[in-house]
Structures are given as C-alpha cells and as structure tokens.
Protein backbone atom coordinates (compact mmCIF):
# COMPACT_ATOMS: atom_id res chain seq x y z
CA MET A 1 -19.47 15.81 -17.38
CA PRO A 2 -19.81 13.42 -14.40
CA GLU A 3 -16.63 12.12 -12.79
CA PHE A 4 -16.30 8.33 -12.79
CA PHE A 5 -14.08 6.33 -10.48
CA TYR A 6 -13.21 2.63 -10.62
CA GLU A 7 -11.69 1.00 -7.55
CA PRO A 8 -9.81 -2.13 -8.66
CA ARG A 9 -10.16 -5.09 -6.31
CA SER A 10 -6.52 -6.06 -6.27
CA ILE A 11 -5.51 -6.00 -2.60
CA ASN A 12 -7.08 -9.33 -1.65
CA ASP A 13 -6.45 -12.60 -3.44
CA ARG A 14 -9.23 -14.10 -5.47
CA SER A 15 -10.59 -16.65 -3.07
CA THR A 16 -11.33 -20.35 -3.14
CA LEU A 17 -12.37 -20.33 0.53
CA SER A 18 -15.78 -21.70 1.35
CA ALA A 19 -18.26 -19.66 3.35
CA GLY A 20 -17.80 -20.09 7.09
CA TRP A 21 -14.94 -20.15 9.61
CA HIS A 22 -11.29 -20.68 8.62
CA PRO A 23 -7.91 -20.83 10.41
CA ALA A 24 -5.83 -17.71 9.95
CA PHE A 25 -3.03 -15.57 11.34
CA LEU A 26 -3.11 -11.80 11.68
CA ILE A 27 0.20 -10.76 10.11
CA ALA A 28 0.10 -6.94 9.87
CA ILE A 29 -2.07 -3.84 10.15
CA GLY A 30 -1.61 -1.01 7.65
CA ASP A 31 -2.64 2.63 7.66
CA GLU A 32 -3.82 3.97 4.33
CA ALA A 33 -5.95 6.62 2.66
CA LYS A 34 -9.66 5.89 2.49
CA PRO A 35 -10.91 5.43 -1.11
CA PRO A 36 -12.53 8.67 -2.31
CA THR A 37 -15.94 7.06 -2.87
CA TRP A 38 -16.30 5.77 0.71
CA ARG A 39 -18.60 7.33 3.27
CA ASN A 40 -17.27 10.16 5.49
CA VAL A 41 -14.02 10.37 3.56
CA ASP A 42 -13.96 14.14 4.13
CA ILE A 43 -14.26 13.65 7.91
CA LYS A 44 -12.19 10.51 8.40
CA PRO A 45 -9.76 10.27 5.47
CA ARG A 46 -7.73 7.30 6.82
CA ILE A 47 -8.51 3.62 7.46
CA TRP A 48 -6.72 0.67 9.04
CA ARG A 49 -6.33 -2.47 6.92
CA TRP A 50 -6.02 -5.79 8.78
CA HIS A 51 -3.97 -8.37 6.87
CA TYR A 52 -4.56 -12.09 7.38
CA ALA A 53 -2.98 -15.27 6.02
CA VAL A 54 -5.90 -17.70 5.64
CA TRP A 55 -6.27 -21.41 4.83
CA GLU A 56 -9.35 -23.51 4.11
CA VAL A 57 -8.49 -25.96 6.92
CA ALA A 58 -5.62 -26.24 9.40
CA THR A 59 -4.22 -29.42 7.84
CA LEU A 60 -3.27 -27.41 4.73
CA ILE A 61 -1.01 -25.04 6.67
CA GLY A 62 2.57 -25.69 5.56
CA ARG A 63 1.38 -27.76 2.60
CA GLN A 64 0.05 -24.94 0.43
CA PRO A 65 0.35 -21.14 0.46
CA PRO A 66 -2.31 -19.18 2.35
CA GLU A 67 -4.67 -16.71 0.81
CA HIS A 68 -3.97 -13.06 1.61
CA GLN A 69 -7.27 -11.58 2.76
CA THR A 70 -7.89 -8.23 4.43
CA ALA A 71 -10.57 -6.34 6.30
CA THR A 72 -10.78 -2.62 7.01
CA SER A 73 -11.86 -0.52 9.96
CA GLU A 74 -12.08 3.13 10.84
CA THR A 75 -9.13 4.53 12.78
CA THR A 76 -11.36 5.12 15.81
CA PHE A 77 -10.25 3.08 18.84
CA SER A 78 -12.95 3.36 21.49
CA PRO A 79 -14.72 1.07 24.00
CA GLY A 80 -17.99 2.79 23.24
CA SER A 81 -20.49 4.22 25.66
CA SER A 82 -24.11 3.94 26.69
CA LYS A 83 -25.07 5.57 23.40
CA PHE A 84 -22.45 4.16 21.01
CA PRO A 85 -21.08 0.64 20.52
CA PRO A 86 -17.34 -0.12 20.69
CA SER A 87 -15.41 0.62 17.53
CA LYS A 88 -14.53 -2.25 15.23
CA ALA A 89 -10.80 -1.80 15.89
CA TRP A 90 -11.47 -2.06 19.64
CA THR A 91 -13.56 -5.24 19.43
CA VAL A 92 -11.14 -6.99 17.04
CA THR A 93 -8.12 -6.05 19.17
CA ARG A 94 -9.84 -7.25 22.35
CA GLU A 95 -10.74 -10.52 20.65
CA LEU A 96 -7.26 -11.14 19.27
CA LEU A 97 -5.64 -10.34 22.64
CA ASP A 98 -8.23 -12.57 24.33
CA ARG A 99 -8.61 -10.15 27.24
CA GLU A 100 -10.09 -6.81 28.20
CA ILE A 101 -8.22 -3.66 27.25
CA GLN A 102 -7.24 -1.57 30.24
CA PRO A 103 -7.87 2.21 30.49
CA SER A 104 -5.01 4.26 29.00
CA GLU A 105 -3.33 1.07 27.72
CA ARG A 106 -1.25 1.52 24.58
CA ILE A 107 -1.34 -1.46 22.21
CA ASN A 108 0.69 -1.81 19.02
CA LEU A 109 -1.03 -4.85 17.55
CA ASP A 110 0.81 -4.42 14.24
CA ALA A 111 4.20 -4.81 15.96
CA ILE A 112 2.94 -7.82 17.91
CA ALA A 113 1.65 -9.54 14.78
CA ARG A 114 4.83 -8.85 12.79
CA GLN A 115 6.98 -10.38 15.51
CA ASN A 116 4.69 -13.32 16.21
CA PRO A 117 1.67 -13.82 13.87
CA ILE A 118 -1.52 -14.00 15.93
CA PRO A 119 -3.55 -17.19 15.43
CA CYS A 120 -7.27 -16.68 14.98
CA ARG A 121 -10.25 -17.80 12.97
CA ILE A 122 -12.08 -15.61 10.50
CA LYS A 123 -15.62 -15.93 9.23
CA VAL A 124 -15.86 -15.62 5.46
CA GLU A 125 -18.82 -14.58 3.38
CA ARG A 126 -18.59 -15.25 -0.34
CA ASN A 127 -18.98 -12.39 -2.82
CA GLY A 128 -18.51 -13.84 -6.28
CA GLU A 129 -14.79 -14.55 -6.71
CA TRP A 130 -13.98 -12.71 -3.50
CA ALA A 131 -14.13 -13.40 0.22
CA ASN A 132 -15.44 -10.85 2.73
CA ILE A 133 -14.27 -11.16 6.33
CA LYS A 134 -17.34 -10.78 8.51
CA ASP A 135 -16.04 -11.77 11.95
CA VAL A 136 -12.87 -12.69 13.87
CA GLU A 137 -12.35 -14.85 16.95
CA HIS A 138 -9.32 -15.87 18.99
CA ALA A 139 -7.93 -19.30 18.13
CA ARG A 140 -8.25 -20.49 21.73
CA LYS A 141 -11.99 -20.96 21.30
CA SER A 142 -11.89 -23.56 18.54
CA TRP A 143 -8.25 -23.92 17.39
CA PRO A 144 -6.22 -24.41 20.59
CA ASP A 145 -3.22 -26.10 18.92
CA ALA A 146 -2.69 -23.23 16.44
CA ALA A 147 0.83 -22.40 17.66
CA GLN A 148 2.22 -25.73 16.45
CA TYR A 149 1.50 -24.74 12.85
CA LEU A 150 3.90 -21.78 12.99
CA THR A 151 6.84 -23.80 11.73
CA PRO A 152 9.99 -22.03 10.43
CA GLU A 153 8.78 -22.61 6.86
CA VAL A 154 5.37 -21.04 7.56
CA ARG A 155 7.01 -18.11 9.36
CA ALA A 156 9.35 -17.55 6.41
CA TYR A 157 6.45 -17.50 3.96
CA ILE A 158 4.49 -15.07 6.15
CA ALA A 159 7.57 -12.82 6.43
CA GLN A 160 7.81 -12.75 2.64
CA LEU A 161 4.12 -11.86 2.41
CA VAL A 162 4.54 -9.04 4.93
CA ALA A 163 7.50 -7.69 2.93
CA GLU A 164 5.34 -7.62 -0.19
CA ILE A 165 2.61 -5.80 1.74
CA ASP A 166 5.11 -3.18 2.91
CA THR A 167 6.47 -2.70 -0.61
CA ALA A 168 2.97 -2.20 -2.01
CA GLN A 169 2.12 0.21 0.81
CA ALA A 170 5.29 2.23 0.21
CA THR A 171 4.47 2.45 -3.49
CA GLN A 172 0.98 3.74 -2.76
CA THR A 173 2.09 6.37 -0.23
CA ALA A 174 5.28 7.58 -1.94
CA PRO A 175 4.92 11.18 -3.16
CA PRO A 176 5.22 11.65 -6.92
CA THR A 177 8.65 12.61 -8.16
CA PRO A 178 8.58 16.24 -9.29
CA PRO A 179 9.69 16.84 -12.87
CA GLN A 180 13.26 18.00 -13.18
CA PRO A 181 13.75 21.36 -14.92
CA SER A 182 15.50 21.15 -18.25
CA PRO A 183 18.86 22.94 -18.49
CA PRO A 184 18.75 26.25 -20.39
CA GLN A 185 19.58 25.92 -24.03
CA GLY A 186 20.91 28.53 -26.41
CA PRO A 187 19.28 29.40 -29.73
CA PRO A 188 19.83 27.04 -32.65
CA PRO A 189 22.71 27.86 -34.97
CA GLY A 190 21.89 30.71 -37.28
CA MET A 191 19.22 32.16 -34.95
CA GLN A 192 19.30 34.57 -32.04
CA SER A 193 17.03 34.73 -29.03
CA TRP A 194 14.85 37.73 -28.24
CA GLY A 195 16.75 40.51 -26.54
CA SER A 196 20.16 39.17 -27.51
CA PRO A 197 22.44 41.49 -29.44
CA PRO A 198 23.23 40.37 -32.97
CA PRO A 199 26.54 38.60 -33.33
CA ALA A 200 29.46 40.80 -34.22
CA VAL A 201 30.40 40.72 -37.90
CA PRO A 202 34.14 40.91 -38.51
CA PRO A 203 35.16 43.85 -40.74
CA GLN A 204 35.74 42.97 -44.35
CA THR A 205 39.20 43.74 -45.78
CA PRO A 206 38.94 45.21 -49.30
CA PRO A 207 40.76 43.16 -51.95
CA GLN A 208 44.11 44.50 -53.03
CA SER A 209 45.30 44.79 -56.61
CA PRO A 210 48.20 42.57 -57.48
CA PRO A 211 51.55 44.31 -57.82
CA ALA A 212 52.55 45.55 -61.20
CA GLY A 213 54.17 42.91 -63.30
CA ALA A 214 52.68 40.03 -61.36
CA PRO A 215 51.06 37.35 -63.47
CA ARG A 216 47.28 37.26 -63.55
CA TRP A 217 45.93 33.72 -63.24
C-alpha cells in the first residue's frame, strides 16, 4: 500500500498581506528537520527557518500585531564560486548585515536578531490564503527610519512571539518519553504462576470425640 504524508501548513499565519514589499523585522532563525517529502532530505536532512514579524505598512506597527511569516533555506553557507551561485543563507545574511561577509568570519545572525530585531523589507507572493517570501532587502534602501518603530511595546510583543517560537521548536525536537515498565505483579488470589510451588496446606487435625458423659448438642 502506498505511504501518504500530509504536511500541515501551520507554522506561518494565514496572511492578509498584499503581494509586494512589506516592512518587517527578522526576529529569529531556527534549525529544524527537513520535511520527509522535500528534495535531498537523505543528503541534507536539516534546514534553517527564518522568522519575520511583518506588517502591511509601517504606519500599522505598534497599532496592530504583526503577521508571523517564515522562509526556509538549506544549511549551506557559501559565497559560491565560478560554477555555483552563493547559497541563499549567504545572500540573505549579507543583505541583512548590509555589507560583505569577510573570509573566515563567524556570524550568529540568530543571536543578533534576538537581541535587536533586524529591520528589513520582504517581498510577498500570494498563494491562496498564504504568503510566500520571495525576497529580502535591508531597510536602509527604502525604510530608513525603521529603528524608530522598535518601541518598548513592539519589542515586548516580538519577545513574546520569539518565546512562542522557541516553545514550539522545543516541542518538535523533544525526544518521545519512553514508556515506563509496569511493576511486577503477583498472581491473582486463588491462582499460582508457572513455576511457583503450590502454597503449603496446613495439616488437618482429626476431630476428637467428646469426653464420656459430656452432653451432645
């Protein structure tokens, strides 16, 4: 019988965003198992998931909650070569840092985003009820006053969203709890288990005749 697999689309919010560019903040990057139906899962079993808080327009930031939208990339981090283009993780990181990445440089973009959400703009393509992130650019290019929108209230809401992301990630990666062995139990009353000796039967004392002259009731 063929094996069927359904991948629920529950990580991203259902979207009301229009197609096109929208203000956003990168808030976290997660490492997770690649879905079993994806290409090259046997060769590259892990992916990185880029988490964004997104609004339709900048004037709505702080007035309504953002949408939680994500995009994925392979875990390859490479500038490419004459034969191969740069990896997606490399190009997005370079764009969000707004500079070139130096040889042998170590960058923890997840830690940077968690401490100070990175302003950017994302390009959305509609897919029914969902939004697909097709491109990312640094906010400097078309949203230079992005930092002023990171008010304490917006930061608090983003921190709550990141906590929910971490909780969901921990639930997905936690190993299953092994079943606990049941304590040994003896046989039910009136029965004996295999290999057990039968219970000892106390000797029966024969009845004695009443003494002579005693009344018989």
